C-alpha atoms as a PDB file:
ATOM      1  CA  MET A   1     -13.329   9.444  26.835  1.00  0.00           C
ATOM      2  CA  LEU A   2     -10.133   8.623  25.323  1.00  0.00           C
ATOM      3  CA  THR A   3      -6.597   6.867  27.506  1.00  0.00           C
ATOM      4  CA  ASN A   4      -3.545   8.035  26.782  1.00  0.00           C
ATOM      5  CA  PRO A   5      -2.325   5.037  24.820  1.00  0.00           C
ATOM      6  CA  GLU A   6      -5.651   5.218  21.950  1.00  0.00           C
ATOM      7  CA  ILE A   7      -4.233   8.576  21.284  1.00  0.00           C
ATOM      8  CA  LEU A   8      -0.913   7.664  20.947  1.00  0.00           C
ATOM      9  CA  MET A   9      -1.948   5.654  18.972  1.00  0.00           C
ATOM     10  CA  LEU A  10      -4.095   7.441  17.148  1.00  0.00           C
ATOM     11  CA  PHE A  11      -1.157  10.202  16.675  1.00  0.00           C
ATOM     12  CA  ILE A  12       1.003   7.553  14.980  1.00  0.00           C
ATOM     13  CA  VAL A  13      -1.425   6.944  13.260  1.00  0.00           C
ATOM     14  CA  ALA A  14      -1.732  10.269  12.446  1.00  0.00           C
ATOM     15  CA  ILE A  15       2.061  10.789  11.003  1.00  0.00           C
ATOM     16  CA  LEU A  16       2.931   7.629  10.319  1.00  0.00           C
ATOM     17  CA  GLY A  17       2.786   7.803   6.669  1.00  0.00           C
ATOM     18  CA  HIS A  18       5.038  10.964   6.347  1.00  0.00           C
ATOM     19  CA  VAL A  19       7.730   9.916   8.061  1.00  0.00           C
ATOM     20  CA  MET A  20       7.758   6.459   6.711  1.00  0.00           C
ATOM     21  CA  ALA A  21       7.811   8.822   3.297  1.00  0.00           C
ATOM     22  CA  ILE A  22      10.387  11.091   4.202  1.00  0.00           C
ATOM     23  CA  SER A  23      12.302   8.179   5.445  1.00  0.00           C
ATOM     24  CA  TRP A  24      12.852   6.596   2.436  1.00  0.00           C
ATOM     25  CA  PHE A  25      13.107   9.367   0.128  1.00  0.00           C
ATOM     26  CA  LEU A  26      16.582  10.652   2.152  1.00  0.00           C
ATOM     27  CA  ALA A  27      17.465   7.181   2.097  1.00  0.00           C
ATOM     28  CA  ASP A  28      17.311   7.052  -1.432  1.00  0.00           C
ATOM     29  CA  ARG A  29      18.852  11.283  -1.778  1.00  0.00           C
ATOM     30  CA  ARG A  30      21.772   9.737   0.274  1.00  0.00           C
ATOM     31  CA  ASN A  31      22.534   6.805  -2.268  1.00  0.00           C
ATOM     32  CA  SER A  32      21.901   4.250   0.303  1.00  0.00           C
ATOM     33  CA  ARG A  33      22.506   0.418  -0.030  1.00  0.00           C
ATOM     34  CA  LEU A  34      18.426  -0.457   1.090  1.00  0.00           C
ATOM     35  CA  CYS A  35      18.224   1.421  -2.515  1.00  0.00           C
ATOM     36  CA  ARG A  36      20.873   0.082  -4.977  1.00  0.00           C
ATOM     37  CA  LYS A  37      17.868  -2.349  -6.670  1.00  0.00           C
ATOM     38  CA  VAL A  38      16.163   0.347  -8.761  1.00  0.00           C
ATOM     39  CA  ILE A  39      13.295  -0.474 -10.675  1.00  0.00           C
ATOM     40  CA  TYR A  40      13.152   1.950 -13.375  1.00  0.00           C
ATOM     41  CA  ASP A  41      16.164   4.484 -14.629  1.00  0.00           C
ATOM     42  CA  LEU A  42      14.250   7.222 -14.918  1.00  0.00           C
ATOM     43  CA  PRO A  43      14.278  10.104 -13.379  1.00  0.00           C
ATOM     44  CA  ILE A  44      11.143  11.259 -10.778  1.00  0.00           C
ATOM     45  CA  PRO A  45      10.336  14.953 -11.610  1.00  0.00           C
ATOM     46  CA  LYS A  46       9.983  17.817  -9.161  1.00  0.00           C
ATOM     47  CA  LYS A  47       6.882  18.783  -9.654  1.00  0.00           C
ATOM     48  CA  GLN A  48       6.014  15.095  -9.063  1.00  0.00           C
ATOM     49  CA  ILE A  49       6.538  15.360  -5.407  1.00  0.00           C
ATOM     50  CA  GLN A  50       5.461  18.940  -4.781  1.00  0.00           C
ATOM     51  CA  ARG A  51       2.212  17.536  -5.972  1.00  0.00           C
ATOM     52  CA  GLU A  52       2.407  14.221  -3.963  1.00  0.00           C
ATOM     53  CA  LEU A  53       2.819  16.628  -0.977  1.00  0.00           C
ATOM     54  CA  ARG A  54      -0.241  18.953  -1.431  1.00  0.00           C
ATOM     55  CA  ASN A  55      -2.860  15.880  -1.426  1.00  0.00           C
ATOM     56  CA  SER A  56      -0.853  14.560   1.394  1.00  0.00           C
ATOM     57  CA  VAL A  57      -2.506  16.963   3.425  1.00  0.00           C
ATOM     58  CA  HIS A  58      -5.705  15.239   3.878  1.00  0.00           C
ATOM     59  CA  THR A  59      -3.060  11.254   4.669  1.00  0.00           C
ATOM     60  CA  PRO A  60      -3.945  11.600   9.029  1.00  0.00           C
ATOM     61  CA  MET A  61      -7.404  10.891   7.289  1.00  0.00           C
ATOM     62  CA  HIS A  62      -7.351   7.112   8.920  1.00  0.00           C
ATOM     63  CA  ALA A  63      -6.963   8.637  12.278  1.00  0.00           C
ATOM     64  CA  MET A  64      -9.338  10.855  12.031  1.00  0.00           C
ATOM     65  CA  MET A  65     -12.022   8.086  11.194  1.00  0.00           C
ATOM     66  CA  LEU A  66     -10.897   5.597  13.665  1.00  0.00           C
ATOM     67  CA  GLY A  67     -10.953   8.236  16.701  1.00  0.00           C
ATOM     68  CA  LEU A  68     -14.602   8.618  15.054  1.00  0.00           C
ATOM     69  CA  ALA A  69     -14.849   5.536  15.601  1.00  0.00           C
ATOM     70  CA  LEU A  70     -14.131   5.176  19.347  1.00  0.00           C
ATOM     71  CA  PHE A  71     -15.987   8.309  19.951  1.00  0.00           C
ATOM     72  CA  PHE A  72     -19.332   6.055  18.594  1.00  0.00           C
ATOM     73  CA  ASP A  73     -18.501   3.566  21.103  1.00  0.00           C
ATOM     74  CA  ALA A  74     -16.584   0.938  18.797  1.00  0.00           C
ATOM     75  CA  PHE A  75     -14.000  -1.602  19.152  1.00  0.00           C
ATOM     76  CA  ASN A  76     -13.904  -2.085  23.076  1.00  0.00           C
ATOM     77  CA  ALA A  77     -12.221  -5.612  23.363  1.00  0.00           C
ATOM     78  CA  THR A  78      -8.899  -5.661  25.556  1.00  0.00           C
ATOM     79  CA  THR A  79      -8.024  -8.577  25.858  1.00  0.00           C
ATOM     80  CA  TRP A  80      -4.333 -10.475  23.644  1.00  0.00           C
ATOM     81  CA  LEU A  81      -7.276 -12.904  21.356  1.00  0.00           C
ATOM     82  CA  ALA A  82      -9.475  -9.838  20.685  1.00  0.00           C
ATOM     83  CA  PHE A  83      -6.154  -7.768  18.961  1.00  0.00           C
ATOM     84  CA  LEU A  84      -5.042 -11.049  17.042  1.00  0.00           C
ATOM     85  CA  LEU A  85      -8.800 -11.405  15.822  1.00  0.00           C
ATOM     86  CA  SER A  86      -8.831  -7.975  14.817  1.00  0.00           C
ATOM     87  CA  TYR A  87      -5.317  -7.718  13.462  1.00  0.00           C
ATOM     88  CA  LEU A  88      -6.080 -10.528  11.395  1.00  0.00           C
ATOM     89  CA  VAL A  89      -9.440  -9.622  10.477  1.00  0.00           C
ATOM     90  CA  THR A  90      -8.579  -5.883   9.047  1.00  0.00           C
ATOM     91  CA  ALA A  91      -6.081  -7.470   7.377  1.00  0.00           C
ATOM     92  CA  VAL A  92      -8.274 -10.008   5.462  1.00  0.00           C
ATOM     93  CA  TRP A  93     -10.700  -7.618   4.682  1.00  0.00           C
ATOM     94  CA  ALA A  94      -8.610  -4.516   3.549  1.00  0.00           C
ATOM     95  CA  GLU A  95      -7.250  -6.881   0.838  1.00  0.00           C
ATOM     96  CA  ILE A  96     -10.568  -7.586  -0.423  1.00  0.00           C
ATOM     97  CA  TRP A  97     -11.503  -4.724   0.006  1.00  0.00           C
ATOM     98  CA  HIS A  98      -8.671  -2.834  -1.560  1.00  0.00           C
ATOM     99  CA  TYR A  99      -9.091  -4.910  -4.139  1.00  0.00           C
ATOM    100  CA  THR A 100     -12.553  -5.016  -5.130  1.00  0.00           C
ATOM    101  CA  SER A 101     -12.857  -1.101  -4.655  1.00  0.00           C
ATOM    102  CA  HIS A 102      -9.526  -0.910  -7.174  1.00  0.00           C
ATOM    103  CA  ARG A 103     -10.974  -2.638  -9.960  1.00  0.00           C
ATOM    104  CA  LEU A 104     -14.041  -0.306  -9.559  1.00  0.00           C
ATOM    105  CA  ILE A 105     -12.189   2.475  -9.434  1.00  0.00           C
ATOM    106  CA  HIS A 106     -10.304   2.019 -12.822  1.00  0.00           C
ATOM    107  CA  LEU A 107     -13.721   1.825 -15.095  1.00  0.00           C
ATOM    108  CA  LYS A 108     -13.658   4.889 -16.876  1.00  0.00           C
ATOM    109  CA  LYS A 109     -16.840   5.557 -15.534  1.00  0.00           C
ATOM    110  CA  LEU A 110     -15.186   5.758 -11.699  1.00  0.00           C
ATOM    111  CA  HIS A 111     -11.341   6.414 -12.937  1.00  0.00           C
ATOM    112  CA  TRP A 112     -11.766  10.537 -11.848  1.00  0.00           C
ATOM    113  CA  ILE A 113     -11.992   9.008  -7.992  1.00  0.00           C
ATOM    114  CA  HIS A 114      -8.312   7.091  -8.647  1.00  0.00           C
ATOM    115  CA  ARG A 115      -6.689   9.619 -11.615  1.00  0.00           C
ATOM    116  CA  GLU A 116      -4.436  12.070  -9.325  1.00  0.00           C
ATOM    117  CA  HIS A 117      -3.069   8.798  -7.950  1.00  0.00           C
ATOM    118  CA  HIS A 118      -2.056   7.443 -11.427  1.00  0.00           C
ATOM    119  CA  LYS A 119      -1.011  10.666 -12.564  1.00  0.00           C
ATOM    120  CA  SER A 120       2.617   9.356 -10.676  1.00  0.00           C
ATOM    121  CA  ARG A 121       3.530   6.137 -13.553  1.00  0.00           C
ATOM    122  CA  LEU A 122       6.655   6.596 -11.356  1.00  0.00           C
ATOM    123  CA  ASN A 123       6.407   5.766  -8.112  1.00  0.00           C
ATOM    124  CA  SER A 124       8.791   8.069  -5.430  1.00  0.00           C
ATOM    125  CA  PRO A 125       8.072   7.020  -1.653  1.00  0.00           C
ATOM    126  CA  PHE A 126       5.533  10.060  -1.901  1.00  0.00           C
ATOM    127  CA  THR A 127       3.407   8.635  -3.975  1.00  0.00           C
ATOM    128  CA  ALA A 128       1.540   6.555  -1.130  1.00  0.00           C
ATOM    129  CA  ILE A 129       0.488   9.164   0.359  1.00  0.00           C
ATOM    130  CA  SER A 130      -1.034  11.077  -2.137  1.00  0.00           C
ATOM    131  CA  PHE A 131      -4.198  10.543  -3.282  1.00  0.00           C
ATOM    132  CA  SER A 132      -7.624  12.466  -4.137  1.00  0.00           C
ATOM    133  CA  ILE A 133      -9.984  12.902  -0.603  1.00  0.00           C
ATOM    134  CA  SER A 134     -12.655  11.229  -2.255  1.00  0.00           C
ATOM    135  CA  GLU A 135     -10.581   8.099  -2.893  1.00  0.00           C
ATOM    136  CA  LYS A 136      -9.041   7.839   0.775  1.00  0.00           C
ATOM    137  CA  LEU A 137     -12.890   8.153   1.864  1.00  0.00           C
ATOM    138  CA  ILE A 138     -13.951   5.294  -0.385  1.00  0.00           C
ATOM    139  CA  PHE A 139     -10.711   3.131   1.233  1.00  0.00           C
ATOM    140  CA  ASN A 140     -11.339   4.083   4.894  1.00  0.00           C
ATOM    141  CA  ILE A 141     -15.022   4.203   4.795  1.00  0.00           C
ATOM    142  CA  GLY A 142     -15.212   0.875   3.291  1.00  0.00           C
ATOM    143  CA  ILE A 143     -12.542  -0.774   6.015  1.00  0.00           C
ATOM    144  CA  ILE A 144     -13.761   1.133   9.246  1.00  0.00           C
ATOM    145  CA  GLY A 145     -17.293   1.422   8.382  1.00  0.00           C
ATOM    146  CA  PHE A 146     -17.222  -3.122   7.850  1.00  0.00           C
ATOM    147  CA  LEU A 147     -15.287  -3.037  11.073  1.00  0.00           C
ATOM    148  CA  MET A 148     -17.282  -1.798  12.919  1.00  0.00           C
ATOM    149  CA  ILE A 149     -20.641  -3.117  11.934  1.00  0.00           C
ATOM    150  CA  LEU A 150     -18.677  -6.555  12.335  1.00  0.00           C
ATOM    151  CA  ASP A 151     -18.321  -5.184  15.752  1.00  0.00           C
ATOM    152  CA  ARG A 152     -21.705  -5.040  16.384  1.00  0.00           C
ATOM    153  CA  PHE A 153     -21.728  -9.650  17.031  1.00  0.00           C
ATOM    154  CA  ILE A 154     -17.863  -9.795  17.625  1.00  0.00           C
ATOM    155  CA  SER A 155     -16.087  -7.358  19.446  1.00  0.00           C
ATOM    156  CA  LEU A 156     -12.514  -6.397  18.372  1.00  0.00           C
ATOM    157  CA  SER A 157     -10.117  -4.227  19.374  1.00  0.00           C
ATOM    158  CA  PHE A 158      -8.987  -0.698  18.558  1.00  0.00           C
ATOM    159  CA  PHE A 159      -5.685  -1.450  19.306  1.00  0.00           C
ATOM    160  CA  GLY A 160      -5.346  -4.271  16.325  1.00  0.00           C
ATOM    161  CA  VAL A 161      -7.525  -3.075  13.822  1.00  0.00           C
ATOM    162  CA  ALA A 162      -5.175   0.556  14.712  1.00  0.00           C
ATOM    163  CA  GLY A 163      -2.670  -2.023  14.448  1.00  0.00           C
ATOM    164  CA  TRP A 164      -2.746  -2.922  11.032  1.00  0.00           C
ATOM    165  CA  TYR A 165      -3.079   0.695   9.998  1.00  0.00           C
ATOM    166  CA  VAL A 166       0.699   1.320  11.052  1.00  0.00           C
ATOM    167  CA  SER A 167       1.543  -2.441   9.270  1.00  0.00           C
ATOM    168  CA  TYR A 168      -0.506  -0.773   6.291  1.00  0.00           C
ATOM    169  CA  LEU A 169       1.296   2.922   6.297  1.00  0.00           C
ATOM    170  CA  SER A 170       5.161   1.103   6.835  1.00  0.00           C
ATOM    171  CA  ILE A 171       4.372  -1.073   3.860  1.00  0.00           C
ATOM    172  CA  ASN A 172       2.210   0.977   2.120  1.00  0.00           C
ATOM    173  CA  SER A 173       5.216   3.896   2.088  1.00  0.00           C
ATOM    174  CA  PHE A 174       7.669   1.507   0.275  1.00  0.00           C
ATOM    175  CA  SER A 175       5.699  -0.378  -1.517  1.00  0.00           C
ATOM    176  CA  HIS A 176       5.578   2.804  -3.493  1.00  0.00           C
ATOM    177  CA  ALA A 177       9.038   3.303  -4.027  1.00  0.00           C
ATOM    178  CA  ASN A 178      11.073   3.456  -7.225  1.00  0.00           C
ATOM    179  CA  PHE A 179      13.362   0.541  -6.068  1.00  0.00           C
ATOM    180  CA  GLU A 180      13.284  -2.752  -4.904  1.00  0.00           C
ATOM    181  CA  LEU A 181      13.785  -4.468  -1.188  1.00  0.00           C
ATOM    182  CA  LYS A 182      13.220  -7.583  -1.225  1.00  0.00           C
ATOM    183  CA  SER A 183      15.814 -10.213  -1.896  1.00  0.00           C
ATOM    184  CA  ASN A 184      16.713 -12.080  -4.877  1.00  0.00           C
ATOM    185  CA  THR A 185      15.795 -15.148  -3.045  1.00  0.00           C
ATOM    186  CA  TYR A 186      12.084 -13.409  -1.984  1.00  0.00           C
ATOM    187  CA  LEU A 187      10.379 -15.174  -4.927  1.00  0.00           C
ATOM    188  CA  LYS A 188      10.955 -18.737  -3.658  1.00  0.00           C
ATOM    189  CA  VAL A 189       9.208 -18.954  -0.508  1.00  0.00           C
ATOM    190  CA  PHE A 190       7.272 -15.563   0.788  1.00  0.00           C
ATOM    191  CA  GLY A 191       6.903 -14.278  -2.781  1.00  0.00           C
ATOM    192  CA  LYS A 192       4.535 -16.860  -3.919  1.00  0.00           C
ATOM    193  CA  PHE A 193       1.716 -14.802  -1.799  1.00  0.00           C
ATOM    194  CA  LEU A 194       3.027 -11.382  -1.250  1.00  0.00           C
ATOM    195  CA  THR A 195       3.435  -8.576  -3.542  1.00  0.00           C
ATOM    196  CA  SER A 196       6.761  -6.959  -3.422  1.00  0.00           C
ATOM    197  CA  THR A 197       7.853  -3.272  -4.121  1.00  0.00           C
ATOM    198  CA  THR A 198       8.625  -4.248  -7.820  1.00  0.00           C
ATOM    199  CA  TYR A 199       4.648  -5.555  -8.175  1.00  0.00           C
ATOM    200  CA  HIS A 200       3.104  -2.581  -7.726  1.00  0.00           C
ATOM    201  CA  ALA A 201       5.291  -0.739  -9.665  1.00  0.00           C
ATOM    202  CA  LEU A 202       3.943  -2.522 -12.900  1.00  0.00           C
ATOM    203  CA  HIS A 203       0.568  -1.442 -12.250  1.00  0.00           C
ATOM    204  CA  HIS A 204       1.876   2.988 -11.713  1.00  0.00           C
ATOM    205  CA  SER A 205       3.951   2.407 -15.111  1.00  0.00           C
ATOM    206  CA  ARG A 206       1.560  -0.328 -17.211  1.00  0.00           C
ATOM    207  CA  TYR A 207      -2.052   1.197 -15.296  1.00  0.00           C
ATOM    208  CA  ILE A 208      -3.665  -2.003 -14.986  1.00  0.00           C
ATOM    209  CA  ASN A 209      -3.353  -5.285 -13.616  1.00  0.00           C
ATOM    210  CA  ASN A 210      -1.441  -6.012 -10.381  1.00  0.00           C
ATOM    211  CA  PHE A 211      -4.738  -4.877  -8.007  1.00  0.00           C
ATOM    212  CA  GLY A 212      -3.809  -6.099  -5.013  1.00  0.00           C
ATOM    213  CA  LEU A 213      -2.936  -4.830  -2.342  1.00  0.00           C
ATOM    214  CA  GLY A 214      -0.237  -6.821  -0.128  1.00  0.00           C
ATOM    215  CA  THR A 215      -1.110 -10.147  -1.675  1.00  0.00           C
ATOM    216  CA  ARG A 216      -1.615 -11.954  -5.164  1.00  0.00           C
ATOM    217  CA  PHE A 217      -4.639 -14.430  -3.789  1.00  0.00           C
ATOM    218  CA  MET A 218      -7.122 -12.158  -5.785  1.00  0.00           C
ATOM    219  CA  ASP A 219      -4.992 -10.955  -8.865  1.00  0.00           C
ATOM    220  CA  ARG A 220      -4.066 -14.806  -9.513  1.00  0.00           C
ATOM    221  CA  THR A 221      -7.318 -15.706  -9.322  1.00  0.00           C
ATOM    222  CA  PHE A 222      -9.064 -13.123 -11.852  1.00  0.00           C
ATOM    223  CA  GLU A 223      -6.871 -13.533 -14.096  1.00  0.00           C
ATOM    224  CA  THR A 224      -4.815 -10.011 -13.710  1.00  0.00           C
ATOM    225  CA  GLU A 225      -1.721 -10.092 -12.250  1.00  0.00           C
ATOM    226  CA  TRP A 226       0.980  -9.242 -14.805  1.00  0.00           C
ATOM    227  CA  PRO A 227       2.736 -12.918 -16.256  1.00  0.00           C
ATOM    228  CA  ASP A 228       5.505 -11.078 -16.266  1.00  0.00           C
ATOM    229  CA  TYR A 229       6.264  -9.825 -12.680  1.00  0.00           C
ATOM    230  CA  GLU A 230       8.746 -13.267 -11.758  1.00  0.00           C
ATOM    231  CA  GLU A 231      11.199 -12.715 -14.800  1.00  0.00           C
ATOM    232  CA  VAL A 232      11.102  -8.517 -13.999  1.00  0.00           C
ATOM    233  CA  TYR A 233      11.368  -9.352 -10.003  1.00  0.00           C
ATOM    234  CA  GLN A 234      14.633 -11.256 -10.772  1.00  0.00           C
ATOM    235  CA  ARG A 235      16.211  -8.929 -13.104  1.00  0.00           C
ATOM    236  CA  ILE A 236      15.821  -6.471 -10.232  1.00  0.00           C
ATOM    237  CA  THR A 237      17.551  -8.107  -7.833  1.00  0.00           C
ATOM    238  CA  VAL A 238      19.360 -10.931  -9.211  1.00  0.00           C
ATOM    239  CA  ASP A 239      20.932  -8.955 -12.807  1.00  0.00           C
ATOM    240  CA  LEU A 240      20.647  -5.643 -10.757  1.00  0.00           C
ATOM    241  CA  GLU A 241      19.245  -3.980 -14.302  1.00  0.00           C
ATOM    242  CA  PRO A 242      16.347  -1.589 -13.772  1.00  0.00           C
ATOM    243  CA  LEU A 243      14.096  -1.391 -16.564  1.00  0.00           C
ATOM    244  CA  LYS A 244      14.632   1.440 -19.167  1.00  0.00           C
ATOM    245  CA  ASN A 245      10.963   2.827 -19.873  1.00  0.00           C
ATOM    246  CA  PHE A 246       7.513   2.809 -18.661  1.00  0.00           C
ATOM    247  CA  ASN A 247       6.116  -0.456 -22.061  1.00  0.00           C
ATOM    248  CA  GLU A 248       9.069  -2.562 -21.448  1.00  0.00           C
ATOM    249  CA  LYS A 249       8.148  -6.032 -20.818  1.00  0.00           C
ATOM    250  CA  VAL A 250      10.729  -9.019 -19.595  1.00  0.00           C
ATOM    251  CA  ALA A 251      10.728 -12.164 -21.896  1.00  0.00           C
ATOM    252  CA  PRO A 252       9.871 -15.536 -20.053  1.00  0.00           C
ATOM    253  CA  THR A 253      13.628 -17.467 -19.182  1.00  0.00           C
ATOM    254  CA  VAL A 254      13.888 -19.876 -21.213  1.00  0.00           C
ATOM    255  CA  THR A 255      15.233 -23.097 -19.406  1.00  0.00           C
ATOM    256  CA  GLU A 256      16.683 -26.998 -21.534  1.00  0.00           C
END
């Protein structure tokens, strides 16, 4: 039987994607200062928002699968060490699984799985919750299914796994926005390893490359990162000059 904290966490995971998307959408509509570093100076069609909202009906699938894992008696560890280990293992595996499956569903024969998400070449906060059912199944079964198998050998914590989902749903929302939240100095430290909203915006607008979820490691390893990403980021955050069209590239800065 589920405990009250488990039920509360499942509820948070179920609704957080929509709550975050609505929050960023309203912030953008009210011209919040948080949204001033626009990535693409292009309007988001009203029909796109409507389509993305229709696609978001099955977003709570995350919570349903986590609930099923509890039903099958998985993720029972309760120590703080198990919580931290579970969070880290989930984060590492999710990065590997996302990159691998993302590359595969960009192949011509499998792209029907991913096509719905990529109908949005210009991201809105609701793009983060707009996927086909098949893509959401692949993403979640790949993560939760693997962790349930691992749980048979290394006892994992439900709250560690669910805690990663809370982080993912929060970050993924503004990662699909059309504005950059991070600072103009971000690339000097954390941005050397981690992605940004601009990073994923280039994936949507140009349709390929920048496949990583939260880090740049695998894109760099397999040479699938857009070479002008850092120049685009600097233009958005330093010059405050958005891109004008989806195919626009930014030339490297020439230093003497």
